[in-house]
Amino acid sequence: MPKKYTTLKEFYPYYLTEHQHPTSRALHFIGTAGLIALFFFGMFVGPGWLIALVPICGYGFAWVGHFFFEKNKPATFTYPAFSLISDFIMFWHILTGQLPRKMEEAKKIVG
């Protein structure tokens, strides 16, 4: 039986191990950057309906990464809140160059 995650601290290493393929991580990064841009553009510049595209952009890029490159089921289906937060954490770790170290740490924790 798969492990049940009850905290983000436990979940995030698992999340990283589900994102081993560099193209999948790049697609997640593009989707997260796109949803941030759509949200702020829709909120402050307009038109406001662009905000409706936020989930399509974010999930669309991520799910392509999972279905065609990782060949696994997105964690969003089992852990929607942890997965959403983890997308932003991974985005930050990519931006700040911390992701390679975090990936190695995750492999040691998850196995």
PDB file of N, CA and C in Angstrom:
ATOM      1  N   MET A   1       0.841  -1.181   0.000  1.00  0.00           N
ATOM      2  CA  MET A   1       0.000   0.000   0.000  1.00  0.00           C
ATOM      3  C   MET A   1       0.886   1.245   0.000  1.00  0.00           C
ATOM      4  N   PRO A   2       0.614   2.223  -0.875  1.00  0.00           N
ATOM      5  CA  PRO A   2       1.437   3.437  -0.931  1.00  0.00           C
ATOM      6  C   PRO A   2       1.349   4.243   0.362  1.00  0.00           C
ATOM      7  N   LYS A   3       2.417   4.952   0.645  1.00  0.00           N
ATOM      8  CA  LYS A   3       2.481   5.802   1.842  1.00  0.00           C
ATOM      9  C   LYS A   3       1.471   6.941   1.721  1.00  0.00           C
ATOM     10  N   LYS A   4       0.818   7.270   2.828  1.00  0.00           N
ATOM     11  CA  LYS A   4      -0.087   8.418   2.890  1.00  0.00           C
ATOM     12  C   LYS A   4       0.696   9.598   3.442  1.00  0.00           C
ATOM     13  N   TYR A   5       0.661  10.717   2.745  1.00  0.00           N
ATOM     14  CA  TYR A   5       1.370  11.915   3.181  1.00  0.00           C
ATOM     15  C   TYR A   5       0.405  12.831   3.907  1.00  0.00           C
ATOM     16  N   THR A   6       0.824  13.273   5.087  1.00  0.00           N
ATOM     17  CA  THR A   6      -0.044  14.125   5.893  1.00  0.00           C
ATOM     18  C   THR A   6       0.512  15.533   6.064  1.00  0.00           C
ATOM     19  N   THR A   7       1.784  15.741   5.670  1.00  0.00           N
ATOM     20  CA  THR A   7       2.373  17.080   5.759  1.00  0.00           C
ATOM     21  C   THR A   7       3.082  17.405   4.451  1.00  0.00           C
ATOM     22  N   LEU A   8       3.185  18.682   4.170  1.00  0.00           N
ATOM     23  CA  LEU A   8       3.907  19.129   2.981  1.00  0.00           C
ATOM     24  C   LEU A   8       5.378  18.743   3.068  1.00  0.00           C
ATOM     25  N   LYS A   9       5.941  18.800   4.262  1.00  0.00           N
ATOM     26  CA  LYS A   9       7.355  18.445   4.458  1.00  0.00           C
ATOM     27  C   LYS A   9       7.610  16.991   4.057  1.00  0.00           C
ATOM     28  N   GLU A  10       6.689  16.098   4.353  1.00  0.00           N
ATOM     29  CA  GLU A  10       6.813  14.692   3.942  1.00  0.00           C
ATOM     30  C   GLU A  10       6.560  14.533   2.438  1.00  0.00           C
ATOM     31  N   PHE A  11       5.591  15.292   1.944  1.00  0.00           N
ATOM     32  CA  PHE A  11       5.137  15.129   0.563  1.00  0.00           C
ATOM     33  C   PHE A  11       6.142  15.638  -0.460  1.00  0.00           C
ATOM     34  N   TYR A  12       6.776  16.787  -0.202  1.00  0.00           N
ATOM     35  CA  TYR A  12       7.612  17.432  -1.220  1.00  0.00           C
ATOM     36  C   TYR A  12       8.738  16.530  -1.745  1.00  0.00           C
ATOM     37  N   PRO A  13       9.456  15.787  -0.910  1.00  0.00           N
ATOM     38  CA  PRO A  13      10.461  14.874  -1.490  1.00  0.00           C
ATOM     39  C   PRO A  13       9.844  13.844  -2.444  1.00  0.00           C
ATOM     40  N   TYR A  14       8.684  13.315  -2.072  1.00  0.00           N
ATOM     41  CA  TYR A  14       7.981  12.395  -2.968  1.00  0.00           C
ATOM     42  C   TYR A  14       7.635  13.097  -4.285  1.00  0.00           C
ATOM     43  N   TYR A  15       7.116  14.307  -4.185  1.00  0.00           N
ATOM     44  CA  TYR A  15       6.756  15.101  -5.359  1.00  0.00           C
ATOM     45  C   TYR A  15       7.950  15.240  -6.297  1.00  0.00           C
ATOM     46  N   LEU A  16       9.111  15.546  -5.738  1.00  0.00           N
ATOM     47  CA  LEU A  16      10.306  15.708  -6.572  1.00  0.00           C
ATOM     48  C   LEU A  16      10.683  14.412  -7.275  1.00  0.00           C
ATOM     49  N   THR A  17      10.528  13.276  -6.595  1.00  0.00           N
ATOM     50  CA  THR A  17      10.880  12.003  -7.241  1.00  0.00           C
ATOM     51  C   THR A  17       9.920  11.645  -8.360  1.00  0.00           C
ATOM     52  N   GLU A  18       8.762  12.265  -8.377  1.00  0.00           N
ATOM     53  CA  GLU A  18       7.802  12.060  -9.459  1.00  0.00           C
ATOM     54  C   GLU A  18       8.073  12.989 -10.642  1.00  0.00           C
ATOM     55  N   HIS A  19       9.151  13.766 -10.570  1.00  0.00           N
ATOM     56  CA  HIS A  19       9.516  14.734 -11.608  1.00  0.00           C
ATOM     57  C   HIS A  19      10.980  14.553 -11.999  1.00  0.00           C
ATOM     58  N   GLN A  20      11.332  13.360 -12.400  1.00  0.00           N
ATOM     59  CA  GLN A  20      12.716  13.032 -12.741  1.00  0.00           C
ATOM     60  C   GLN A  20      13.118  13.503 -14.132  1.00  0.00           C
ATOM     61  N   HIS A  21      12.188  13.531 -15.051  1.00  0.00           N
ATOM     62  CA  HIS A  21      12.511  13.870 -16.438  1.00  0.00           C
ATOM     63  C   HIS A  21      12.686  15.380 -16.587  1.00  0.00           C
ATOM     64  N   PRO A  22      13.820  15.831 -17.136  1.00  0.00           N
ATOM     65  CA  PRO A  22      14.057  17.275 -17.252  1.00  0.00           C
ATOM     66  C   PRO A  22      13.016  18.003 -18.106  1.00  0.00           C
ATOM     67  N   THR A  23      12.490  17.354 -19.125  1.00  0.00           N
ATOM     68  CA  THR A  23      11.462  17.999 -19.950  1.00  0.00           C
ATOM     69  C   THR A  23      10.185  18.208 -19.151  1.00  0.00           C
ATOM     70  N   SER A  24       9.853  17.250 -18.317  1.00  0.00           N
ATOM     71  CA  SER A  24       8.678  17.386 -17.462  1.00  0.00           C
ATOM     72  C   SER A  24       8.849  18.561 -16.506  1.00  0.00           C
ATOM     73  N   ARG A  25      10.018  18.668 -15.895  1.00  0.00           N
ATOM     74  CA  ARG A  25      10.267  19.797 -14.990  1.00  0.00           C
ATOM     75  C   ARG A  25      10.218  21.124 -15.746  1.00  0.00           C
ATOM     76  N   ALA A  26      10.751  21.145 -16.955  1.00  0.00           N
ATOM     77  CA  ALA A  26      10.711  22.371 -17.766  1.00  0.00           C
ATOM     78  C   ALA A  26       9.264  22.743 -18.090  1.00  0.00           C
ATOM     79  N   LEU A  27       8.444  21.764 -18.418  1.00  0.00           N
ATOM     80  CA  LEU A  27       7.037  22.033 -18.706  1.00  0.00           C
ATOM     81  C   LEU A  27       6.314  22.552 -17.463  1.00  0.00           C
ATOM     82  N   HIS A  28       6.619  21.988 -16.303  1.00  0.00           N
ATOM     83  CA  HIS A  28       6.045  22.497 -15.056  1.00  0.00           C
ATOM     84  C   HIS A  28       6.461  23.956 -14.841  1.00  0.00           C
ATOM     85  N   PHE A  29       7.721  24.245 -15.085  1.00  0.00           N
ATOM     86  CA  PHE A  29       8.225  25.607 -14.901  1.00  0.00           C
ATOM     87  C   PHE A  29       7.509  26.569 -15.839  1.00  0.00           C
ATOM     88  N   ILE A  30       7.378  26.189 -17.101  1.00  0.00           N
ATOM     89  CA  ILE A  30       6.689  27.035 -18.088  1.00  0.00           C
ATOM     90  C   ILE A  30       5.231  27.250 -17.681  1.00  0.00           C
ATOM     91  N   GLY A  31       4.561  26.174 -17.273  1.00  0.00           N
ATOM     92  CA  GLY A  31       3.163  26.292 -16.858  1.00  0.00           C
ATOM     93  C   GLY A  31       2.985  27.191 -15.645  1.00  0.00           C
ATOM     94  N   THR A  32       3.878  27.061 -14.670  1.00  0.00           N
ATOM     95  CA  THR A  32       3.778  27.894 -13.468  1.00  0.00           C
ATOM     96  C   THR A  32       4.089  29.350 -13.794  1.00  0.00           C
ATOM     97  N   ALA A  33       5.120  29.589 -14.607  1.00  0.00           N
ATOM     98  CA  ALA A  33       5.429  30.963 -15.020  1.00  0.00           C
ATOM     99  C   ALA A  33       4.256  31.551 -15.800  1.00  0.00           C
ATOM    100  N   GLY A  34       3.661  30.744 -16.666  1.00  0.00           N
ATOM    101  CA  GLY A  34       2.525  31.206 -17.459  1.00  0.00           C
ATOM    102  C   GLY A  34       1.322  31.537 -16.606  1.00  0.00           C
ATOM    103  N   LEU A  35       1.041  30.695 -15.627  1.00  0.00           N
ATOM    104  CA  LEU A  35      -0.136  30.973 -14.789  1.00  0.00           C
ATOM    105  C   LEU A  35       0.084  32.216 -13.927  1.00  0.00           C
ATOM    106  N   ILE A  36       1.304  32.432 -13.472  1.00  0.00           N
ATOM    107  CA  ILE A  36       1.596  33.653 -12.714  1.00  0.00           C
ATOM    108  C   ILE A  36       1.388  34.880 -13.610  1.00  0.00           C
ATOM    109  N   ALA A  37       1.909  34.798 -14.826  1.00  0.00           N
ATOM    110  CA  ALA A  37       1.769  35.922 -15.767  1.00  0.00           C
ATOM    111  C   ALA A  37       0.305  36.174 -16.106  1.00  0.00           C
ATOM    112  N   LEU A  38      -0.447  35.115 -16.394  1.00  0.00           N
ATOM    113  CA  LEU A  38      -1.864  35.272 -16.716  1.00  0.00           C
ATOM    114  C   LEU A  38      -2.639  35.877 -15.554  1.00  0.00           C
ATOM    115  N   PHE A  39      -2.340  35.395 -14.355  1.00  0.00           N
ATOM    116  CA  PHE A  39      -3.046  35.902 -13.182  1.00  0.00           C
ATOM    117  C   PHE A  39      -2.793  37.404 -13.000  1.00  0.00           C
ATOM    118  N   PHE A  40      -1.528  37.801 -12.996  1.00  0.00           N
ATOM    119  CA  PHE A  40      -1.228  39.213 -12.758  1.00  0.00           C
ATOM    120  C   PHE A  40      -1.645  40.101 -13.925  1.00  0.00           C
ATOM    121  N   PHE A  41      -1.489  39.612 -15.138  1.00  0.00           N
ATOM    122  CA  PHE A  41      -1.927  40.398 -16.291  1.00  0.00           C
ATOM    123  C   PHE A  41      -3.445  40.573 -16.252  1.00  0.00           C
ATOM    124  N   GLY A  42      -4.158  39.473 -15.967  1.00  0.00           N
ATOM    125  CA  GLY A  42      -5.620  39.546 -15.886  1.00  0.00           C
ATOM    126  C   GLY A  42      -6.106  40.436 -14.759  1.00  0.00           C
ATOM    127  N   MET A  43      -5.389  40.424 -13.645  1.00  0.00           N
ATOM    128  CA  MET A  43      -5.793  41.227 -12.485  1.00  0.00           C
ATOM    129  C   MET A  43      -5.517  42.720 -12.679  1.00  0.00           C
ATOM    130  N   PHE A  44      -4.356  43.051 -13.253  1.00  0.00           N
ATOM    131  CA  PHE A  44      -3.910  44.438 -13.218  1.00  0.00           C
ATOM    132  C   PHE A  44      -3.869  45.149 -14.569  1.00  0.00           C
ATOM    133  N   VAL A  45      -3.863  44.401 -15.661  1.00  0.00           N
ATOM    134  CA  VAL A  45      -3.785  45.028 -16.979  1.00  0.00           C
ATOM    135  C   VAL A  45      -5.071  44.754 -17.757  1.00  0.00           C
ATOM    136  N   GLY A  46      -5.522  43.545 -17.702  1.00  0.00           N
ATOM    137  CA  GLY A  46      -6.759  43.162 -18.368  1.00  0.00           C
ATOM    138  C   GLY A  46      -6.511  42.452 -19.679  1.00  0.00           C
ATOM    139  N   PRO A  47      -7.454  41.841 -20.230  1.00  0.00           N
ATOM    140  CA  PRO A  47      -8.801  41.657 -19.707  1.00  0.00           C
ATOM    141  C   PRO A  47      -8.838  40.628 -18.568  1.00  0.00           C
ATOM    142  N   GLY A  48      -9.781  40.816 -17.668  1.00  0.00           N
ATOM    143  CA  GLY A  48      -9.887  39.976 -16.486  1.00  0.00           C
ATOM    144  C   GLY A  48     -10.188  38.516 -16.766  1.00  0.00           C
ATOM    145  N   TRP A  49     -10.805  38.229 -17.912  1.00  0.00           N
ATOM    146  CA  TRP A  49     -11.142  36.837 -18.214  1.00  0.00           C
ATOM    147  C   TRP A  49      -9.907  35.962 -18.389  1.00  0.00           C
ATOM    148  N   LEU A  50      -8.729  36.572 -18.534  1.00  0.00           N
ATOM    149  CA  LEU A  50      -7.500  35.779 -18.649  1.00  0.00           C
ATOM    150  C   LEU A  50      -7.252  34.926 -17.408  1.00  0.00           C
ATOM    151  N   ILE A  51      -7.789  35.360 -16.293  1.00  0.00           N
ATOM    152  CA  ILE A  51      -7.630  34.593 -15.050  1.00  0.00           C
ATOM    153  C   ILE A  51      -8.244  33.199 -15.197  1.00  0.00           C
ATOM    154  N   ALA A  52      -9.275  33.081 -16.026  1.00  0.00           N
ATOM    155  CA  ALA A  52      -9.900  31.773 -16.257  1.00  0.00           C
ATOM    156  C   ALA A  52      -8.941  30.791 -16.922  1.00  0.00           C
ATOM    157  N   LEU A  53      -7.910  31.304 -17.583  1.00  0.00           N
ATOM    158  CA  LEU A  53      -6.939  30.441 -18.256  1.00  0.00           C
ATOM    159  C   LEU A  53      -5.843  29.923 -17.321  1.00  0.00           C
ATOM    160  N   VAL A  54      -5.795  30.449 -16.096  1.00  0.00           N
ATOM    161  CA  VAL A  54      -4.743  30.063 -15.150  1.00  0.00           C
ATOM    162  C   VAL A  54      -4.676  28.546 -14.943  1.00  0.00           C
ATOM    163  N   PRO A  55      -5.774  27.873 -14.585  1.00  0.00           N
ATOM    164  CA  PRO A  55      -5.658  26.428 -14.374  1.00  0.00           C
ATOM    165  C   PRO A  55      -5.336  25.659 -15.653  1.00  0.00           C
ATOM    166  N   ILE A  56      -5.824  26.133 -16.782  1.00  0.00           N
ATOM    167  CA  ILE A  56      -5.544  25.457 -18.054  1.00  0.00           C
ATOM    168  C   ILE A  56      -4.059  25.523 -18.362  1.00  0.00           C
ATOM    169  N   CYS A  57      -3.462  26.673 -18.160  1.00  0.00           N
ATOM    170  CA  CYS A  57      -2.036  26.848 -18.408  1.00  0.00           C
ATOM    171  C   CYS A  57      -1.216  26.005 -17.432  1.00  0.00           C
ATOM    172  N   GLY A  58      -1.496  26.146 -16.157  1.00  0.00           N
ATOM    173  CA  GLY A  58      -0.717  25.431 -15.151  1.00  0.00           C
ATOM    174  C   GLY A  58      -0.832  23.927 -15.284  1.00  0.00           C
ATOM    175  N   TYR A  59      -2.052  23.421 -15.303  1.00  0.00           N
ATOM    176  CA  TYR A  59      -2.248  21.972 -15.384  1.00  0.00           C
ATOM    177  C   TYR A  59      -1.929  21.421 -16.767  1.00  0.00           C
ATOM    178  N   GLY A  60      -2.212  22.196 -17.802  1.00  0.00           N
ATOM    179  CA  GLY A  60      -1.955  21.719 -19.159  1.00  0.00           C
ATOM    180  C   GLY A  60      -0.498  21.361 -19.382  1.00  0.00           C
ATOM    181  N   PHE A  61       0.391  22.275 -19.077  1.00  0.00           N
ATOM    182  CA  PHE A  61       1.819  21.997 -19.246  1.00  0.00           C
ATOM    183  C   PHE A  61       2.280  20.863 -18.332  1.00  0.00           C
ATOM    184  N   ALA A  62       1.836  20.887 -17.073  1.00  0.00           N
ATOM    185  CA  ALA A  62       2.261  19.859 -16.114  1.00  0.00           C
ATOM    186  C   ALA A  62       1.796  18.474 -16.548  1.00  0.00           C
ATOM    187  N   TRP A  63       0.548  18.361 -16.970  1.00  0.00           N
ATOM    188  CA  TRP A  63       0.019  17.055 -17.326  1.00  0.00           C
ATOM    189  C   TRP A  63       0.652  16.504 -18.597  1.00  0.00           C
ATOM    190  N   VAL A  64       1.002  17.363 -19.530  1.00  0.00           N
ATOM    191  CA  VAL A  64       1.757  16.890 -20.709  1.00  0.00           C
ATOM    192  C   VAL A  64       3.069  16.270 -20.236  1.00  0.00           C
ATOM    193  N   GLY A  65       3.726  16.928 -19.295  1.00  0.00           N
ATOM    194  CA  GLY A  65       4.973  16.391 -18.749  1.00  0.00           C
ATOM    195  C   GLY A  65       4.784  15.032 -18.116  1.00  0.00           C
ATOM    196  N   HIS A  66       3.722  14.866 -17.368  1.00  0.00           N
ATOM    197  CA  HIS A  66       3.485  13.578 -16.702  1.00  0.00           C
ATOM    198  C   HIS A  66       3.089  12.490 -17.692  1.00  0.00           C
ATOM    199  N   PHE A  67       2.154  12.787 -18.573  1.00  0.00           N
ATOM    200  CA  PHE A  67       1.627  11.751 -19.449  1.00  0.00           C
ATOM    201  C   PHE A  67       2.607  11.330 -20.542  1.00  0.00           C
ATOM    202  N   PHE A  68       3.405  12.272 -21.066  1.00  0.00           N
ATOM    203  CA  PHE A  68       4.277  11.948 -22.192  1.00  0.00           C
ATOM    204  C   PHE A  68       5.738  11.754 -21.824  1.00  0.00           C
ATOM    205  N   PHE A  69       6.185  12.288 -20.705  1.00  0.00           N
ATOM    206  CA  PHE A  69       7.599  12.184 -20.354  1.00  0.00           C
ATOM    207  C   PHE A  69       7.823  11.367 -19.084  1.00  0.00           C
ATOM    208  N   GLU A  70       7.120  11.673 -18.019  1.00  0.00           N
ATOM    209  CA  GLU A  70       7.273  10.911 -16.780  1.00  0.00           C
ATOM    210  C   GLU A  70       6.572   9.561 -16.876  1.00  0.00           C
ATOM    211  N   LYS A  71       5.471   9.540 -17.610  1.00  0.00           N
ATOM    212  CA  LYS A  71       4.631   8.353 -17.740  1.00  0.00           C
ATOM    213  C   LYS A  71       4.119   7.904 -16.364  1.00  0.00           C
ATOM    214  N   ASN A  72       3.685   8.881 -15.575  1.00  0.00           N
ATOM    215  CA  ASN A  72       3.102   8.588 -14.270  1.00  0.00           C
ATOM    216  C   ASN A  72       1.852   9.447 -14.072  1.00  0.00           C
ATOM    217  N   LYS A  73       1.142   9.149 -13.018  1.00  0.00           N
ATOM    218  CA  LYS A  73      -0.097   9.866 -12.701  1.00  0.00           C
ATOM    219  C   LYS A  73       0.252  11.114 -11.896  1.00  0.00           C
ATOM    220  N   PRO A  74      -0.227  12.283 -12.312  1.00  0.00           N
ATOM    221  CA  PRO A  74       0.057  13.499 -11.544  1.00  0.00           C
ATOM    222  C   PRO A  74      -0.418  13.378 -10.094  1.00  0.00           C
ATOM    223  N   ALA A  75       0.405  13.868  -9.180  1.00  0.00           N
ATOM    224  CA  ALA A  75       0.061  13.837  -7.756  1.00  0.00           C
ATOM    225  C   ALA A  75      -1.160  14.698  -7.455  1.00  0.00           C
ATOM    226  N   THR A  76      -1.514  15.580  -8.362  1.00  0.00           N
ATOM    227  CA  THR A  76      -2.687  16.450  -8.194  1.00  0.00           C
ATOM    228  C   THR A  76      -3.950  15.639  -7.932  1.00  0.00           C
ATOM    229  N   PHE A  77      -4.028  14.455  -8.532  1.00  0.00           N
ATOM    230  CA  PHE A  77      -5.233  13.652  -8.392  1.00  0.00           C
ATOM    231  C   PHE A  77      -5.399  13.089  -6.979  1.00  0.00           C
ATOM    232  N   THR A  78      -4.289  12.856  -6.286  1.00  0.00           N
ATOM    233  CA  THR A  78      -4.339  12.285  -4.946  1.00  0.00           C
ATOM    234  C   THR A  78      -4.136  13.339  -3.854  1.00  0.00           C
ATOM    235  N   TYR A  79      -3.254  14.293  -4.122  1.00  0.00           N
ATOM    236  CA  TYR A  79      -2.905  15.329  -3.147  1.00  0.00           C
ATOM    237  C   TYR A  79      -3.009  16.714  -3.802  1.00  0.00           C
ATOM    238  N   PRO A  80      -4.217  17.191  -4.082  1.00  0.00           N
ATOM    239  CA  PRO A  80      -4.345  18.441  -4.839  1.00  0.00           C
ATOM    240  C   PRO A  80      -3.695  19.659  -4.177  1.00  0.00           C
ATOM    241  N   ALA A  81      -3.884  19.845  -2.894  1.00  0.00           N
ATOM    242  CA  ALA A  81      -3.325  21.031  -2.232  1.00  0.00           C
ATOM    243  C   ALA A  81      -1.799  20.934  -2.131  1.00  0.00           C
ATOM    244  N   PHE A  82      -1.298  19.789  -1.652  1.00  0.00           N
ATOM    245  CA  PHE A  82       0.152  19.611  -1.539  1.00  0.00           C
ATOM    246  C   PHE A  82       0.821  19.738  -2.903  1.00  0.00           C
ATOM    247  N   SER A  83       0.181  19.206  -3.928  1.00  0.00           N
ATOM    248  CA  SER A  83       0.749  19.255  -5.270  1.00  0.00           C
ATOM    249  C   SER A  83       0.825  20.685  -5.795  1.00  0.00           C
ATOM    250  N   LEU A  84      -0.229  21.449  -5.593  1.00  0.00           N
ATOM    251  CA  LEU A  84      -0.246  22.840  -6.048  1.00  0.00           C
ATOM    252  C   LEU A  84       0.862  23.648  -5.355  1.00  0.00           C
ATOM    253  N   ILE A  85       0.952  23.504  -4.048  1.00  0.00           N
ATOM    254  CA  ILE A  85       1.989  24.219  -3.305  1.00  0.00           C
ATOM    255  C   ILE A  85       3.374  23.760  -3.761  1.00  0.00           C
ATOM    256  N   SER A  86       3.527  22.465  -3.979  1.00  0.00           N
ATOM    257  CA  SER A  86       4.820  21.921  -4.412  1.00  0.00           C
ATOM    258  C   SER A  86       5.228  22.427  -5.785  1.00  0.00           C
ATOM    259  N   ASP A  87       4.253  22.678  -6.667  1.00  0.00           N
ATOM    260  CA  ASP A  87       4.572  23.270  -7.974  1.00  0.00           C
ATOM    261  C   ASP A  87       5.287  24.608  -7.792  1.00  0.00           C
ATOM    262  N   PHE A  88       4.777  25.411  -6.872  1.00  0.00           N
ATOM    263  CA  PHE A  88       5.391  26.718  -6.631  1.00  0.00           C
ATOM    264  C   PHE A  88       6.745  26.597  -5.933  1.00  0.00           C
ATOM    265  N   ILE A  89       6.864  25.621  -5.045  1.00  0.00           N
ATOM    266  CA  ILE A  89       8.159  25.406  -4.379  1.00  0.00           C
ATOM    267  C   ILE A  89       9.196  24.960  -5.404  1.00  0.00           C
ATOM    268  N   MET A  90       8.825  24.004  -6.267  1.00  0.00           N
ATOM    269  CA  MET A  90       9.761  23.545  -7.288  1.00  0.00           C
ATOM    270  C   MET A  90      10.117  24.687  -8.240  1.00  0.00           C
ATOM    271  N   PHE A  91       9.148  25.506  -8.596  1.00  0.00           N
ATOM    272  CA  PHE A  91       9.401  26.680  -9.445  1.00  0.00           C
ATOM    273  C   PHE A  91      10.471  27.557  -8.795  1.00  0.00           C
ATOM    274  N   TRP A  92      10.321  27.827  -7.498  1.00  0.00           N
ATOM    275  CA  TRP A  92      11.289  28.648  -6.770  1.00  0.00           C
ATOM    276  C   TRP A  92      12.666  27.968  -6.728  1.00  0.00           C
ATOM    277  N   HIS A  93      12.673  26.664  -6.498  1.00  0.00           N
ATOM    278  CA  HIS A  93      13.946  25.941  -6.448  1.00  0.00           C
ATOM    279  C   HIS A  93      14.649  25.945  -7.809  1.00  0.00           C
ATOM    280  N   ILE A  94      13.898  25.910  -8.889  1.00  0.00           N
ATOM    281  CA  ILE A  94      14.492  26.024 -10.226  1.00  0.00           C
ATOM    282  C   ILE A  94      15.058  27.428 -10.411  1.00  0.00           C
ATOM    283  N   LEU A  95      14.263  28.444 -10.070  1.00  0.00           N
ATOM    284  CA  LEU A  95      14.703  29.836 -10.228  1.00  0.00           C
ATOM    285  C   LEU A  95      15.981  30.144  -9.448  1.00  0.00           C
ATOM    286  N   THR A  96      16.093  29.565  -8.268  1.00  0.00           N
ATOM    287  CA  THR A  96      17.218  29.889  -7.387  1.00  0.00           C
ATOM    288  C   THR A  96      18.373  28.904  -7.490  1.00  0.00           C
ATOM    289  N   GLY A  97      18.260  27.932  -8.399  1.00  0.00           N
ATOM    290  CA  GLY A  97      19.350  26.977  -8.600  1.00  0.00           C
ATOM    291  C   GLY A  97      19.464  25.911  -7.521  1.00  0.00           C
ATOM    292  N   GLN A  98      18.463  25.789  -6.675  1.00  0.00           N
ATOM    293  CA  GLN A  98      18.501  24.810  -5.590  1.00  0.00           C
ATOM    294  C   GLN A  98      17.997  23.425  -5.991  1.00  0.00           C
ATOM    295  N   LEU A  99      17.379  23.319  -7.172  1.00  0.00           N
ATOM    296  CA  LEU A  99      16.699  22.070  -7.505  1.00  0.00           C
ATOM    297  C   LEU A  99      17.622  20.851  -7.557  1.00  0.00           C
ATOM    298  N   PRO A 100      18.802  20.921  -8.159  1.00  0.00           N
ATOM    299  CA  PRO A 100      19.634  19.705  -8.174  1.00  0.00           C
ATOM    300  C   PRO A 100      19.903  19.146  -6.766  1.00  0.00           C
ATOM    301  N   ARG A 101      20.192  20.018  -5.818  1.00  0.00           N
ATOM    302  CA  ARG A 101      20.447  19.569  -4.441  1.00  0.00           C
ATOM    303  C   ARG A 101      19.176  18.993  -3.826  1.00  0.00           C
ATOM    304  N   LYS A 102      18.060  19.646  -4.048  1.00  0.00           N
ATOM    305  CA  LYS A 102      16.775  19.174  -3.503  1.00  0.00           C
ATOM    306  C   LYS A 102      16.395  17.818  -4.102  1.00  0.00           C
ATOM    307  N   MET A 103      16.686  17.630  -5.393  1.00  0.00           N
ATOM    308  CA  MET A 103      16.393  16.344  -6.036  1.00  0.00           C
ATOM    309  C   MET A 103      17.223  15.223  -5.409  1.00  0.00           C
ATOM    310  N   GLU A 104      18.491  15.481  -5.152  1.00  0.00           N
ATOM    311  CA  GLU A 104      19.361  14.479  -4.531  1.00  0.00           C
ATOM    312  C   GLU A 104      18.875  14.159  -3.107  1.00  0.00           C
ATOM    313  N   GLU A 105      18.523  15.169  -2.364  1.00  0.00           N
ATOM    314  CA  GLU A 105      17.999  14.954  -1.013  1.00  0.00           C
ATOM    315  C   GLU A 105      16.715  14.126  -1.051  1.00  0.00           C
ATOM    316  N   ALA A 106      15.847  14.420  -2.005  1.00  0.00           N
ATOM    317  CA  ALA A 106      14.574  13.706  -2.126  1.00  0.00           C
ATOM    318  C   ALA A 106      14.803  12.222  -2.433  1.00  0.00           C
ATOM    319  N   LYS A 107      15.759  11.935  -3.312  1.00  0.00           N
ATOM    320  CA  LYS A 107      16.051  10.535  -3.649  1.00  0.00           C
ATOM    321  C   LYS A 107      16.507   9.764  -2.411  1.00  0.00           C
ATOM    322  N   LYS A 108      17.276  10.405  -1.550  1.00  0.00           N
ATOM    323  CA  LYS A 108      17.736   9.746  -0.327  1.00  0.00           C
ATOM    324  C   LYS A 108      16.588   9.505   0.654  1.00  0.00           C
ATOM    325  N   ILE A 109      15.668  10.442   0.707  1.00  0.00           N
ATOM    326  CA  ILE A 109      14.534  10.323   1.641  1.00  0.00           C
ATOM    327  C   ILE A 109      13.524   9.299   1.155  1.00  0.00           C
ATOM    328  N   VAL A 110      13.166   9.374  -0.111  1.00  0.00           N
ATOM    329  CA  VAL A 110      12.102   8.523  -0.655  1.00  0.00           C
ATOM    330  C   VAL A 110      12.638   7.143  -1.026  1.00  0.00           C
ATOM    331  N   GLY A 111      13.873   7.131  -1.507  1.00  0.00           N
ATOM    332  CA  GLY A 111      14.497   5.854  -1.859  1.00  0.00           C
ATOM    333  C   GLY A 111      14.407   5.461  -3.285  1.00  0.00           C
TER     334      GLY A 111
END
